[in-house]
C-alpha atoms as a PDB file:
ATOM      1  CA  MET A   1      60.182 125.896  67.701  1.00  0.00           C
ATOM      2  CA  ASN A   2      61.605 124.581  70.902  1.00  0.00           C
ATOM      3  CA  PHE A   3      64.241 121.907  70.298  1.00  0.00           C
ATOM      4  CA  LYS A   4      66.555 120.356  72.882  1.00  0.00           C
ATOM      5  CA  ILE A   5      69.377 117.862  72.455  1.00  0.00           C
ATOM      6  CA  ASN A   6      69.513 115.692  75.542  1.00  0.00           C
ATOM      7  CA  TYR A   7      71.762 112.748  74.683  1.00  0.00           C
ATOM      8  CA  HIS A   8      74.271 111.525  77.270  1.00  0.00           C
ATOM      9  CA  ALA A   9      77.491 109.624  76.770  1.00  0.00           C
ATOM     10  CA  ALA A  10      76.222 106.786  78.949  1.00  0.00           C
ATOM     11  CA  GLU A  11      73.202 106.358  76.655  1.00  0.00           C
ATOM     12  CA  LEU A  12      75.297 106.235  73.539  1.00  0.00           C
ATOM     13  CA  ARG A  13      77.952 103.766  74.713  1.00  0.00           C
ATOM     14  CA  GLY A  14      76.155 100.793  73.172  1.00  0.00           C
ATOM     15  CA  ILE A  15      75.572 102.550  69.812  1.00  0.00           C
ATOM     16  CA  LYS A  16      78.020 101.740  67.002  1.00  0.00           C
ATOM     17  CA  THR A  17      79.633 104.415  64.815  1.00  0.00           C
ATOM     18  CA  LYS A  18      77.397 103.683  61.746  1.00  0.00           C
ATOM     19  CA  GLN A  19      74.324 103.937  63.904  1.00  0.00           C
ATOM     20  CA  LEU A  20      75.472 107.312  65.259  1.00  0.00           C
ATOM     21  CA  LEU A  21      76.202 108.544  61.732  1.00  0.00           C
ATOM     22  CA  ALA A  22      72.712 107.520  60.469  1.00  0.00           C
ATOM     23  CA  LEU A  23      71.186 109.147  63.476  1.00  0.00           C
ATOM     24  CA  SER A  24      72.988 112.415  62.789  1.00  0.00           C
ATOM     25  CA  PHE A  25      71.864 112.462  59.152  1.00  0.00           C
ATOM     26  CA  ARG A  26      68.286 111.828  60.145  1.00  0.00           C
ATOM     27  CA  LEU A  27      68.471 114.716  62.582  1.00  0.00           C
ATOM     28  CA  VAL A  28      69.859 117.021  59.873  1.00  0.00           C
ATOM     29  CA  ARG A  29      67.174 115.902  57.438  1.00  0.00           C
ATOM     30  CA  ASN A  30      64.425 116.497  60.026  1.00  0.00           C
ATOM     31  CA  LEU A  31      65.847 119.849  60.883  1.00  0.00           C
ATOM     32  CA  SER A  32      65.973 120.773  57.235  1.00  0.00           C
ATOM     33  CA  SER A  33      62.284 119.833  56.861  1.00  0.00           C
ATOM     34  CA  VAL A  34      61.439 121.957  59.862  1.00  0.00           C
ATOM     35  CA  SER A  35      63.390 124.894  58.405  1.00  0.00           C
ATOM     36  CA  LYS A  36      61.267 124.768  55.204  1.00  0.00           C
ATOM     37  CA  LYS A  37      58.054 124.909  57.219  1.00  0.00           C
ATOM     38  CA  ASP A  38      59.417 127.823  59.166  1.00  0.00           C
ATOM     39  CA  SER A  39      60.768 129.652  56.065  1.00  0.00           C
ATOM     40  CA  ARG A  40      58.650 132.666  56.916  1.00  0.00           C
ATOM     41  CA  ARG A  41      60.898 133.215  59.944  1.00  0.00           C
ATOM     42  CA  SER A  42      64.086 135.183  59.655  1.00  0.00           C
ATOM     43  CA  GLY A  43      67.328 133.528  58.552  1.00  0.00           C
ATOM     44  CA  ASN A  44      68.833 134.184  61.922  1.00  0.00           C
ATOM     45  CA  ASP A  45      66.028 132.334  63.669  1.00  0.00           C
ATOM     46  CA  ILE A  46      66.424 129.374  61.332  1.00  0.00           C
ATOM     47  CA  ARG A  47      70.130 129.156  61.999  1.00  0.00           C
ATOM     48  CA  GLU A  48      69.480 129.424  65.711  1.00  0.00           C
ATOM     49  CA  THR A  49      66.745 126.803  65.897  1.00  0.00           C
ATOM     50  CA  CYS A  50      67.826 124.347  63.180  1.00  0.00           C
ATOM     51  CA  ILE A  51      71.399 124.615  61.912  1.00  0.00           C
ATOM     52  CA  MET A  52      73.059 125.249  65.258  1.00  0.00           C
ATOM     53  CA  PRO A  53      71.522 122.170  67.007  1.00  0.00           C
ATOM     54  CA  ALA A  54      72.627 120.052  64.021  1.00  0.00           C
ATOM     55  CA  LEU A  55      76.179 121.316  64.234  1.00  0.00           C
ATOM     56  CA  ILE A  56      76.271 120.774  68.003  1.00  0.00           C
ATOM     57  CA  PHE A  57      75.016 117.204  67.566  1.00  0.00           C
ATOM     58  CA  LEU A  58      77.555 116.487  64.811  1.00  0.00           C
ATOM     59  CA  CYS A  59      80.415 117.668  67.001  1.00  0.00           C
ATOM     60  CA  PHE A  60      78.990 115.590  69.812  1.00  0.00           C
ATOM     61  CA  PHE A  61      78.802 112.589  67.457  1.00  0.00           C
ATOM     62  CA  PHE A  62      82.425 112.794  66.390  1.00  0.00           C
ATOM     63  CA  LEU A  63      83.543 113.001  69.968  1.00  0.00           C
ATOM     64  CA  ILE A  64      81.489 110.011  71.062  1.00  0.00           C
ATOM     65  CA  SER A  65      82.321 107.932  67.955  1.00  0.00           C
ATOM     66  CA  TRP A  66      86.022 108.593  68.438  1.00  0.00           C
ATOM     67  CA  GLY A  67      85.795 107.369  72.017  1.00  0.00           C
ATOM     68  CA  CYS A  68      83.763 104.317  70.990  1.00  0.00           C
ATOM     69  CA  THR A  69      86.108 103.326  68.188  1.00  0.00           C
ATOM     70  CA  GLN A  70      89.353 103.774  70.040  1.00  0.00           C
ATOM     71  CA  GLU A  71      90.094 100.455  71.668  1.00  0.00           C
ATOM     72  CA  GLU A  72      92.772 100.106  74.261  1.00  0.00           C
ATOM     73  CA  THR A  73      94.276  96.701  74.825  1.00  0.00           C
ATOM     74  CA  PRO A  74      93.664  95.712  78.456  1.00  0.00           C
ATOM     75  CA  LYS A  75      96.824  95.443  80.479  1.00  0.00           C
ATOM     76  CA  LYS A  76      97.215  93.037  83.337  1.00  0.00           C
ATOM     77  CA  VAL A  77      98.938  94.723  86.225  1.00  0.00           C
ATOM     78  CA  SER A  78     100.052  92.602  89.152  1.00  0.00           C
ATOM     79  CA  LEU A  79     101.451  94.062  92.286  1.00  0.00           C
ATOM     80  CA  TYR A  80     103.337  90.821  92.850  1.00  0.00           C
ATOM     81  CA  ASN A  81     105.440  91.014  89.706  1.00  0.00           C
ATOM     82  CA  LYS A  82     106.599  94.488  90.413  1.00  0.00           C
ATOM     83  CA  THR A  83     109.647  95.570  92.333  1.00  0.00           C
ATOM     84  CA  ALA A  84     109.317  98.356  94.835  1.00  0.00           C
ATOM     85  CA  GLU A  85     112.248 100.687  94.112  1.00  0.00           C
ATOM     86  CA  ASN A  86     113.347 104.281  94.058  1.00  0.00           C
ATOM     87  CA  ARG A  87     112.313 105.134  97.596  1.00  0.00           C
ATOM     88  CA  GLY A  88     112.865 108.873  97.903  1.00  0.00           C
ATOM     89  CA  GLY A  89     112.847 109.263  94.119  1.00  0.00           C
ATOM     90  CA  VAL A  90     116.555 108.362  93.732  1.00  0.00           C
ATOM     91  CA  GLU A  91     117.483 106.333  90.653  1.00  0.00           C
ATOM     92  CA  HIS A  92     119.684 103.296  91.145  1.00  0.00           C
ATOM     93  CA  ASP A  93     121.406 100.970  88.686  1.00  0.00           C
ATOM     94  CA  GLU A  94     119.666  97.611  88.658  1.00  0.00           C
ATOM     95  CA  LYS A  95     122.975  95.730  88.910  1.00  0.00           C
ATOM     96  CA  ASP A  96     123.744  97.578  92.132  1.00  0.00           C
ATOM     97  CA  THR A  97     120.342  96.831  93.696  1.00  0.00           C
ATOM     98  CA  ILE A  98     119.904  94.134  96.282  1.00  0.00           C
ATOM     99  CA  ARG A  99     116.532  92.471  95.814  1.00  0.00           C
ATOM    100  CA  PHE A 100     114.735  91.226  98.934  1.00  0.00           C
ATOM    101  CA  GLY A 101     111.832  88.774  98.938  1.00  0.00           C
ATOM    102  CA  PHE A 102     109.518  87.472 101.651  1.00  0.00           C
ATOM    103  CA  ASP A 103     106.905  84.842 102.265  1.00  0.00           C
ATOM    104  CA  LEU A 104     103.378  86.313 102.302  1.00  0.00           C
ATOM    105  CA  ARG A 105     101.989  86.715 105.797  1.00  0.00           C
ATOM    106  CA  LEU A 106      99.264  89.356 106.154  1.00  0.00           C
ATOM    107  CA  GLY A 107      98.885  90.330 102.553  1.00  0.00           C
ATOM    108  CA  PRO A 108     101.047  92.315 100.038  1.00  0.00           C
ATOM    109  CA  LYS A 109     100.256  95.838 101.173  1.00  0.00           C
ATOM    110  CA  GLU A 110     100.664  95.217 104.871  1.00  0.00           C
ATOM    111  CA  ASP A 111     103.790  93.069 104.348  1.00  0.00           C
ATOM    112  CA  VAL A 112     105.371  95.898 102.327  1.00  0.00           C
ATOM    113  CA  ARG A 113     104.546  98.378 105.051  1.00  0.00           C
ATOM    114  CA  ILE A 114     106.359  96.107 107.510  1.00  0.00           C
ATOM    115  CA  TYR A 115     109.406  95.228 105.424  1.00  0.00           C
ATOM    116  CA  GLY A 116     109.914  98.600 103.758  1.00  0.00           C
ATOM    117  CA  PRO A 117     111.334 100.291 106.901  1.00  0.00           C
ATOM    118  CA  LEU A 118     113.604  97.291 107.539  1.00  0.00           C
ATOM    119  CA  LEU A 119     115.152  97.766 104.102  1.00  0.00           C
ATOM    120  CA  GLU A 120     115.549 101.474 104.726  1.00  0.00           C
ATOM    121  CA  TYR A 121     117.442 100.560 107.943  1.00  0.00           C
ATOM    122  CA  LEU A 122     119.634  98.107 105.963  1.00  0.00           C
ATOM    123  CA  GLU A 123     120.356 100.801 103.388  1.00  0.00           C
ATOM    124  CA  LYS A 124     121.577 103.199 106.045  1.00  0.00           C
ATOM    125  CA  ALA A 125     123.558 100.484 107.834  1.00  0.00           C
ATOM    126  CA  THR A 126     125.232  98.959 104.764  1.00  0.00           C
ATOM    127  CA  GLY A 127     125.284 101.780 102.241  1.00  0.00           C
ATOM    128  CA  LYS A 128     123.620  99.431  99.697  1.00  0.00           C
ATOM    129  CA  HIS A 129     120.362  99.992  97.837  1.00  0.00           C
ATOM    130  CA  PHE A 130     117.595  97.478  98.506  1.00  0.00           C
ATOM    131  CA  SER A 131     114.303  96.796  96.723  1.00  0.00           C
ATOM    132  CA  ILE A 132     111.377  94.528  97.485  1.00  0.00           C
ATOM    133  CA  LYS A 133     110.539  91.760  95.062  1.00  0.00           C
ATOM    134  CA  PHE A 134     106.883  90.656  95.215  1.00  0.00           C
ATOM    135  CA  THR A 135     105.792  87.096  94.552  1.00  0.00           C
ATOM    136  CA  GLU A 136     102.286  86.050  93.700  1.00  0.00           C
ATOM    137  CA  LYS A 137     102.735  82.480  94.946  1.00  0.00           C
ATOM    138  CA  TYR A 138     104.111  81.628  98.358  1.00  0.00           C
ATOM    139  CA  GLU A 139     106.480  79.028  97.002  1.00  0.00           C
ATOM    140  CA  ASP A 140     107.958  81.540  94.513  1.00  0.00           C
ATOM    141  CA  THR A 141     109.822  83.292  97.269  1.00  0.00           C
ATOM    142  CA  VAL A 142     112.301  80.470  97.786  1.00  0.00           C
ATOM    143  CA  GLU A 143     112.323  79.715  94.054  1.00  0.00           C
ATOM    144  CA  ASN A 144     113.378  83.283  93.311  1.00  0.00           C
ATOM    145  CA  LEU A 145     116.096  83.062  95.917  1.00  0.00           C
ATOM    146  CA  GLY A 146     117.430  79.813  94.572  1.00  0.00           C
ATOM    147  CA  LYS A 147     117.482  81.168  91.016  1.00  0.00           C
ATOM    148  CA  GLY A 148     119.197  84.397  92.065  1.00  0.00           C
ATOM    149  CA  ILE A 149     116.236  86.599  91.136  1.00  0.00           C
ATOM    150  CA  THR A 150     116.385  87.822  94.722  1.00  0.00           C
ATOM    151  CA  HIS A 151     119.496  88.140  96.799  1.00  0.00           C
ATOM    152  CA  PHE A 152     118.000  87.894 100.304  1.00  0.00           C
ATOM    153  CA  ALA A 153     114.629  86.625 101.517  1.00  0.00           C
ATOM    154  CA  ALA A 154     112.658  86.260 104.744  1.00  0.00           C
ATOM    155  CA  VAL A 155     111.252  82.728 104.657  1.00  0.00           C
ATOM    156  CA  GLY A 156     109.700  80.155 106.952  1.00  0.00           C
ATOM    157  CA  SER A 157     111.787  77.180 108.070  1.00  0.00           C
ATOM    158  CA  LEU A 158     109.837  74.851 105.739  1.00  0.00           C
ATOM    159  CA  SER A 159     110.587  77.053 102.704  1.00  0.00           C
ATOM    160  CA  TYR A 160     114.215  77.043 103.727  1.00  0.00           C
ATOM    161  CA  VAL A 161     114.605  73.214 103.979  1.00  0.00           C
ATOM    162  CA  VAL A 162     112.720  72.656 100.755  1.00  0.00           C
ATOM    163  CA  GLY A 163     114.839  75.289  99.019  1.00  0.00           C
ATOM    164  CA  LYS A 164     118.059  73.758 100.366  1.00  0.00           C
ATOM    165  CA  GLU A 165     117.054  70.355  99.004  1.00  0.00           C
ATOM    166  CA  LYS A 166     116.332  71.746  95.553  1.00  0.00           C
ATOM    167  CA  TYR A 167     119.055  74.348  95.241  1.00  0.00           C
ATOM    168  CA  GLY A 168     121.724  73.062  97.584  1.00  0.00           C
ATOM    169  CA  ASP A 169     124.439  75.544  98.436  1.00  0.00           C
ATOM    170  CA  ARG A 170     122.896  78.235  96.236  1.00  0.00           C
ATOM    171  CA  ILE A 171     120.694  79.050  99.212  1.00  0.00           C
ATOM    172  CA  LYS A 172     122.506  79.859 102.438  1.00  0.00           C
ATOM    173  CA  TYR A 173     121.366  80.602 105.966  1.00  0.00           C
ATOM    174  CA  LEU A 174     121.938  84.094 107.383  1.00  0.00           C
ATOM    175  CA  VAL A 175     119.984  84.759 110.634  1.00  0.00           C
ATOM    176  CA  SER A 176     116.843  83.623 112.513  1.00  0.00           C
ATOM    177  CA  GLY A 177     114.081  85.764 113.961  1.00  0.00           C
ATOM    178  CA  VAL A 178     113.675  86.147 117.709  1.00  0.00           C
ATOM    179  CA  ASN A 179     110.186  85.953 119.230  1.00  0.00           C
ATOM    180  CA  ASP A 180     108.869  88.182 122.010  1.00  0.00           C
ATOM    181  CA  GLU A 181     110.260  85.794 124.619  1.00  0.00           C
ATOM    182  CA  GLY A 182     113.776  86.127 123.253  1.00  0.00           C
ATOM    183  CA  GLU A 183     113.865  82.731 121.535  1.00  0.00           C
ATOM    184  CA  PRO A 184     114.357  81.809 117.847  1.00  0.00           C
ATOM    185  CA  ARG A 185     111.137  79.801 117.955  1.00  0.00           C
ATOM    186  CA  TYR A 186     107.503  80.070 116.955  1.00  0.00           C
ATOM    187  CA  GLU A 187     104.288  78.104 117.198  1.00  0.00           C
ATOM    188  CA  ALA A 188     101.216  77.491 115.091  1.00  0.00           C
ATOM    189  CA  VAL A 189      97.662  77.878 116.267  1.00  0.00           C
ATOM    190  CA  ILE A 190      94.470  76.014 115.368  1.00  0.00           C
ATOM    191  CA  PHE A 191      91.409  78.216 115.779  1.00  0.00           C
ATOM    192  CA  THR A 192      87.740  78.531 114.986  1.00  0.00           C
ATOM    193  CA  ARG A 193      85.027  81.218 115.055  1.00  0.00           C
ATOM    194  CA  PRO A 194      83.867  82.754 118.345  1.00  0.00           C
ATOM    195  CA  GLY A 195      80.645  81.038 119.373  1.00  0.00           C
ATOM    196  CA  SER A 196      81.431  77.846 117.469  1.00  0.00           C
ATOM    197  CA  ASN A 197      80.378  74.657 119.174  1.00  0.00           C
ATOM    198  CA  ILE A 198      83.859  73.233 118.387  1.00  0.00           C
ATOM    199  CA  GLN A 199      85.720  73.081 121.677  1.00  0.00           C
ATOM    200  CA  THR A 200      88.884  71.050 120.961  1.00  0.00           C
ATOM    201  CA  VAL A 201      90.949  69.856 118.042  1.00  0.00           C
ATOM    202  CA  ASN A 202      89.398  66.421 118.498  1.00  0.00           C
ATOM    203  CA  ASP A 203      86.046  67.919 117.491  1.00  0.00           C
ATOM    204  CA  LEU A 204      87.365  68.672 114.014  1.00  0.00           C
ATOM    205  CA  LYS A 205      86.878  65.132 112.705  1.00  0.00           C
ATOM    206  CA  GLY A 206      84.326  65.423 109.856  1.00  0.00           C
ATOM    207  CA  LYS A 207      84.721  69.212 109.775  1.00  0.00           C
ATOM    208  CA  SER A 208      86.275  71.461 107.138  1.00  0.00           C
ATOM    209  CA  PHE A 209      89.717  73.007 107.577  1.00  0.00           C
ATOM    210  CA  ALA A 210      91.704  75.908 106.096  1.00  0.00           C
ATOM    211  CA  PHE A 211      95.438  75.501 105.780  1.00  0.00           C
ATOM    212  CA  GLY A 212      97.785  78.195 104.614  1.00  0.00           C
ATOM    213  CA  PRO A 213     100.056  77.648 101.575  1.00  0.00           C
ATOM    214  CA  LYS A 214     101.498  74.160 101.264  1.00  0.00           C
ATOM    215  CA  MET A 215     104.984  75.623 101.834  1.00  0.00           C
ATOM    216  CA  SER A 216     103.964  77.383 105.056  1.00  0.00           C
ATOM    217  CA  THR A 217     105.448  76.040 108.272  1.00  0.00           C
ATOM    218  CA  GLN A 218     102.878  77.630 110.593  1.00  0.00           C
ATOM    219  CA  GLY A 219      99.980  77.554 108.135  1.00  0.00           C
ATOM    220  CA  HIS A 220     100.280  73.991 106.873  1.00  0.00           C
ATOM    221  CA  LEU A 221     103.092  71.804 108.186  1.00  0.00           C
ATOM    222  CA  ILE A 222     102.569  72.272 111.970  1.00  0.00           C
ATOM    223  CA  PRO A 223      98.726  72.394 111.896  1.00  0.00           C
ATOM    224  CA  ARG A 224      98.719  69.148 109.906  1.00  0.00           C
ATOM    225  CA  LYS A 225     100.936  67.576 112.580  1.00  0.00           C
ATOM    226  CA  MET A 226      98.605  68.912 115.280  1.00  0.00           C
ATOM    227  CA  LEU A 227      95.610  67.304 113.599  1.00  0.00           C
ATOM    228  CA  GLU A 228      97.380  63.964 113.290  1.00  0.00           C
ATOM    229  CA  ASP A 229      98.343  64.134 116.935  1.00  0.00           C
ATOM    230  CA  ALA A 230      94.599  64.301 117.630  1.00  0.00           C
ATOM    231  CA  GLY A 231      94.028  61.268 115.403  1.00  0.00           C
ATOM    232  CA  ILE A 232      92.709  63.335 112.439  1.00  0.00           C
ATOM    233  CA  THR A 233      94.150  62.807 108.971  1.00  0.00           C
ATOM    234  CA  LEU A 234      93.202  64.699 105.858  1.00  0.00           C
ATOM    235  CA  LYS A 235      90.792  61.901 104.954  1.00  0.00           C
ATOM    236  CA  ASP A 236      88.964  62.500 108.259  1.00  0.00           C
ATOM    237  CA  LEU A 237      88.085  66.069 107.237  1.00  0.00           C
ATOM    238  CA  SER A 238      84.921  66.763 105.237  1.00  0.00           C
ATOM    239  CA  TYR A 239      87.200  68.901 103.042  1.00  0.00           C
ATOM    240  CA  TYR A 240      90.160  71.187 103.318  1.00  0.00           C
ATOM    241  CA  ILE A 241      91.591  74.145 101.343  1.00  0.00           C
ATOM    242  CA  HIS A 242      94.927  75.929 101.047  1.00  0.00           C
ATOM    243  CA  THR A 243      94.824  79.707 101.158  1.00  0.00           C
ATOM    244  CA  ASP A 244      97.648  81.975 100.025  1.00  0.00           C
ATOM    245  CA  SER A 245      98.332  83.726 103.372  1.00  0.00           C
ATOM    246  CA  HIS A 246      97.599  83.609 107.086  1.00  0.00           C
ATOM    247  CA  ILE A 247      95.145  86.463 106.885  1.00  0.00           C
ATOM    248  CA  ASN A 248      93.152  84.739 104.170  1.00  0.00           C
ATOM    249  CA  THR A 249      92.998  81.607 106.284  1.00  0.00           C
ATOM    250  CA  VAL A 250      91.386  83.709 108.999  1.00  0.00           C
ATOM    251  CA  SER A 251      88.908  85.136 106.475  1.00  0.00           C
ATOM    252  CA  SER A 252      87.939  81.716 105.211  1.00  0.00           C
ATOM    253  CA  VAL A 253      87.053  80.586 108.739  1.00  0.00           C
ATOM    254  CA  LEU A 254      85.309  83.812 109.814  1.00  0.00           C
ATOM    255  CA  ASN A 255      83.193  83.927 106.678  1.00  0.00           C
ATOM    256  CA  GLY A 256      82.013  80.328 107.212  1.00  0.00           C
ATOM    257  CA  GLU A 257      83.871  78.701 104.298  1.00  0.00           C
ATOM    258  CA  CYS A 258      85.710  76.474 106.743  1.00  0.00           C
ATOM    259  CA  ASP A 259      85.067  75.340 110.337  1.00  0.00           C
ATOM    260  CA  ALA A 260      88.620  75.877 111.561  1.00  0.00           C
ATOM    261  CA  GLY A 261      92.099  76.776 110.353  1.00  0.00           C
ATOM    262  CA  GLY A 262      95.784  76.979 111.168  1.00  0.00           C
ATOM    263  CA  ILE A 263      97.795  80.168 111.331  1.00  0.00           C
ATOM    264  CA  GLN A 264     100.900  81.772 112.908  1.00  0.00           C
ATOM    265  CA  ASP A 265     100.954  82.413 116.674  1.00  0.00           C
ATOM    266  CA  VAL A 266     101.574  86.188 116.532  1.00  0.00           C
ATOM    267  CA  LEU A 267      98.483  86.850 114.418  1.00  0.00           C
ATOM    268  CA  ALA A 268      96.396  84.367 116.453  1.00  0.00           C
ATOM    269  CA  ARG A 269      97.235  86.011 119.763  1.00  0.00           C
ATOM    270  CA  ARG A 270      96.292  89.441 118.460  1.00  0.00           C
ATOM    271  CA  LEU A 271      93.002  88.265 117.030  1.00  0.00           C
ATOM    272  CA  GLU A 272      92.149  86.337 120.161  1.00  0.00           C
ATOM    273  CA  ILE A 273      92.647  89.443 122.292  1.00  0.00           C
ATOM    274  CA  GLU A 274      90.397  91.356 119.885  1.00  0.00           C
ATOM    275  CA  GLY A 275      87.735  88.622 120.314  1.00  0.00           C
ATOM    276  CA  LYS A 276      87.778  87.734 116.624  1.00  0.00           C
ATOM    277  CA  ILE A 277      88.775  84.077 116.890  1.00  0.00           C
ATOM    278  CA  LYS A 278      88.609  81.224 119.378  1.00  0.00           C
ATOM    279  CA  VAL A 279      91.940  79.385 119.895  1.00  0.00           C
ATOM    280  CA  LEU A 280      91.613  75.585 120.091  1.00  0.00           C
ATOM    281  CA  LYS A 281      95.249  74.581 120.468  1.00  0.00           C
ATOM    282  CA  ILE A 282      98.802  76.000 120.353  1.00  0.00           C
ATOM    283  CA  SER A 283     101.520  73.793 118.941  1.00  0.00           C
ATOM    284  CA  ASP A 284     104.920  72.866 120.255  1.00  0.00           C
ATOM    285  CA  SER A 285     107.779  75.208 119.287  1.00  0.00           C
ATOM    286  CA  TYR A 286     109.571  75.035 115.940  1.00  0.00           C
ATOM    287  CA  PRO A 287     112.533  76.971 114.457  1.00  0.00           C
ATOM    288  CA  SER A 288     111.460  80.504 113.681  1.00  0.00           C
ATOM    289  CA  SER A 289     111.372  82.258 110.303  1.00  0.00           C
ATOM    290  CA  LEU A 290     114.771  83.265 109.016  1.00  0.00           C
ATOM    291  CA  ILE A 291     116.579  85.320 106.441  1.00  0.00           C
ATOM    292  CA  ALA A 292     118.539  83.463 103.832  1.00  0.00           C
ATOM    293  CA  TYR A 293     120.644  84.598 100.883  1.00  0.00           C
ATOM    294  CA  ASN A 294     121.760  83.504  97.467  1.00  0.00           C
ATOM    295  CA  SER A 295     125.353  82.290  97.170  1.00  0.00           C
ATOM    296  CA  THR A 296     126.127  84.781  94.366  1.00  0.00           C
ATOM    297  CA  VAL A 297     126.044  87.650  96.886  1.00  0.00           C
ATOM    298  CA  ASP A 298     129.567  88.727  97.665  1.00  0.00           C
ATOM    299  CA  SER A 299     130.890  87.939 101.122  1.00  0.00           C
ATOM    300  CA  LYS A 300     131.431  91.614 102.043  1.00  0.00           C
ATOM    301  CA  THR A 301     127.749  92.377 101.429  1.00  0.00           C
ATOM    302  CA  VAL A 302     126.627  89.259 103.280  1.00  0.00           C
ATOM    303  CA  GLU A 303     128.652  90.187 106.370  1.00  0.00           C
ATOM    304  CA  ALA A 304     127.469  93.793 106.225  1.00  0.00           C
ATOM    305  CA  VAL A 305     123.796  92.679 106.154  1.00  0.00           C
ATOM    306  CA  ARG A 306     124.389  90.076 108.883  1.00  0.00           C
ATOM    307  CA  SER A 307     126.042  92.592 111.143  1.00  0.00           C
ATOM    308  CA  ALA A 308     123.260  95.124 110.549  1.00  0.00           C
ATOM    309  CA  LEU A 309     120.569  92.525 111.370  1.00  0.00           C
ATOM    310  CA  PHE A 310     122.400  91.550 114.587  1.00  0.00           C
ATOM    311  CA  ALA A 311     122.492  95.262 115.527  1.00  0.00           C
ATOM    312  CA  PHE A 312     118.832  95.754 114.683  1.00  0.00           C
ATOM    313  CA  GLU A 313     116.843  96.819 117.794  1.00  0.00           C
ATOM    314  CA  PRO A 314     113.144  96.831 116.903  1.00  0.00           C
ATOM    315  CA  THR A 315     112.011  97.543 120.452  1.00  0.00           C
ATOM    316  CA  GLY A 316     114.870  99.982 121.170  1.00  0.00           C
ATOM    317  CA  ARG A 317     116.593 102.615 119.099  1.00  0.00           C
ATOM    318  CA  HIS A 318     115.036 101.540 115.804  1.00  0.00           C
ATOM    319  CA  LYS A 319     111.456 101.275 117.076  1.00  0.00           C
ATOM    320  CA  ASN A 320     110.244 104.657 115.789  1.00  0.00           C
ATOM    321  CA  MET A 321     111.241 103.968 112.227  1.00  0.00           C
ATOM    322  CA  LEU A 322     109.298 100.666 112.062  1.00  0.00           C
ATOM    323  CA  VAL A 323     105.672  99.907 111.155  1.00  0.00           C
ATOM    324  CA  ASP A 324     103.880  96.918 112.799  1.00  0.00           C
ATOM    325  CA  TRP A 325     107.139  95.048 113.318  1.00  0.00           C
ATOM    326  CA  ASP A 326     105.565  93.378 116.299  1.00  0.00           C
ATOM    327  CA  LYS A 327     103.265  91.514 113.909  1.00  0.00           C
ATOM    328  CA  THR A 328     106.212  89.539 112.508  1.00  0.00           C
ATOM    329  CA  GLU A 329     107.778  86.329 113.820  1.00  0.00           C
ATOM    330  CA  MET A 330     110.909  88.307 114.658  1.00  0.00           C
ATOM    331  CA  PRO A 331     109.652  91.079 116.994  1.00  0.00           C
ATOM    332  CA  LEU A 332     112.920  91.204 118.981  1.00  0.00           C
ATOM    333  CA  GLY A 333     115.291  91.079 116.055  1.00  0.00           C
ATOM    334  CA  PHE A 334     117.677  88.409 114.908  1.00  0.00           C
ATOM    335  CA  ILE A 335     120.257  85.879 116.156  1.00  0.00           C
ATOM    336  CA  SER A 336     122.157  82.962 114.646  1.00  0.00           C
ATOM    337  CA  VAL A 337     121.213  79.317 115.241  1.00  0.00           C
ATOM    338  CA  ASN A 338     122.727  76.006 114.335  1.00  0.00           C
ATOM    339  CA  GLU A 339     121.210  74.690 111.126  1.00  0.00           C
ATOM    340  CA  SER A 340     120.616  71.310 112.748  1.00  0.00           C
ATOM    341  CA  GLU A 341     117.638  73.019 114.339  1.00  0.00           C
ATOM    342  CA  PHE A 342     115.773  72.606 111.042  1.00  0.00           C
ATOM    343  CA  TYR A 343     115.983  68.836 111.127  1.00  0.00           C
ATOM    344  CA  LYS A 344     112.672  68.672 112.985  1.00  0.00           C
ATOM    345  CA  VAL A 345     110.984  70.571 110.144  1.00  0.00           C
ATOM    346  CA  ALA A 346     112.656  68.435 107.506  1.00  0.00           C
ATOM    347  CA  VAL A 347     111.338  65.221 109.051  1.00  0.00           C
ATOM    348  CA  LEU A 348     107.741  66.473 108.765  1.00  0.00           C
ATOM    349  CA  ALA A 349     108.288  67.875 105.306  1.00  0.00           C
ATOM    350  CA  ARG A 350     109.507  64.461 104.140  1.00  0.00           C
ATOM    351  CA  LYS A 351     106.592  62.723 105.819  1.00  0.00           C
ATOM    352  CA  TYR A 352     104.062  64.879 104.000  1.00  0.00           C
ATOM    353  CA  GLY A 353     105.805  64.609 100.639  1.00  0.00           C
ATOM    354  CA  LEU A 354     107.245  68.095 100.552  1.00  0.00           C
ATOM    355  CA  LEU A 355     110.782  66.758 100.398  1.00  0.00           C
ATOM    356  CA  THR A 356     111.579  64.061  97.870  1.00  0.00           C
ATOM    357  CA  LYS A 357     115.106  63.002  98.885  1.00  0.00           C
END
């Protein structure tokens, strides 16, 4: 008798334990019947052709049934809620760790690749241990800073003025980013797809538009002002959306979800050179992104970090340790500005209901 067991785990996944058990008993019963018919054969043959396949199947059954009955509770794992620590495998006491947050720009993975080397530089310069604190929502960056969950954070000027209104002196200004022209300024860009028949911002009336997060200066506040300057309010758009980062705004336009969008100037210039977008308009200049800190950080640490950032030379002696730093709004490092510079941003924020006082 030729008998072959040819069951696969994939074929048994949908079978419950009781069904498997019944199947195994039927197999043993059938094999027993076969063994009686073949009783004239030797005992060794019977064991080989009947008993052994049954034993093999029973073993296989218990393995499969164990796997089917063992249920593991699904665990939600979010990159954003984790803190990137222990670079180099060195353990650090949590109370001695300085947590650093940042507004999402290009996406979590790429943003970490950019900010990680900066924190390594700050560790060497200050002797302190830094870790990155992820946030799932754009607005959580300044919330975490105000609540003291993070100690320092790289934020846009809109996030800063909104955070100052809500948390007052618990959020303090440290330094501002310097653009590739040596100024603490940046712009926003309204763009569309290459080949689109949209030629100017004025053509966007009746079209769809992708903004960045509501708390984004370059992704929402400035593009909204640019649209209004062209006589286009939100009601004049067929519809609009808010994405969670500049890169996702780009994706929503390129995949046809929206006709146009607003993003930061650094990303826009790069994509325009690569032929991936068509720029419709560049905004006036506004105060650049900055680094702020929570008031609970001791003054000695604040001054150490400030001094290190002033000494930071991303195009000079620190260039080789950085990754894609030229994609940030602070490609030439940091300087200090008068906080009155943020008044221009606060006026627009209040106009669009982002400030309540």
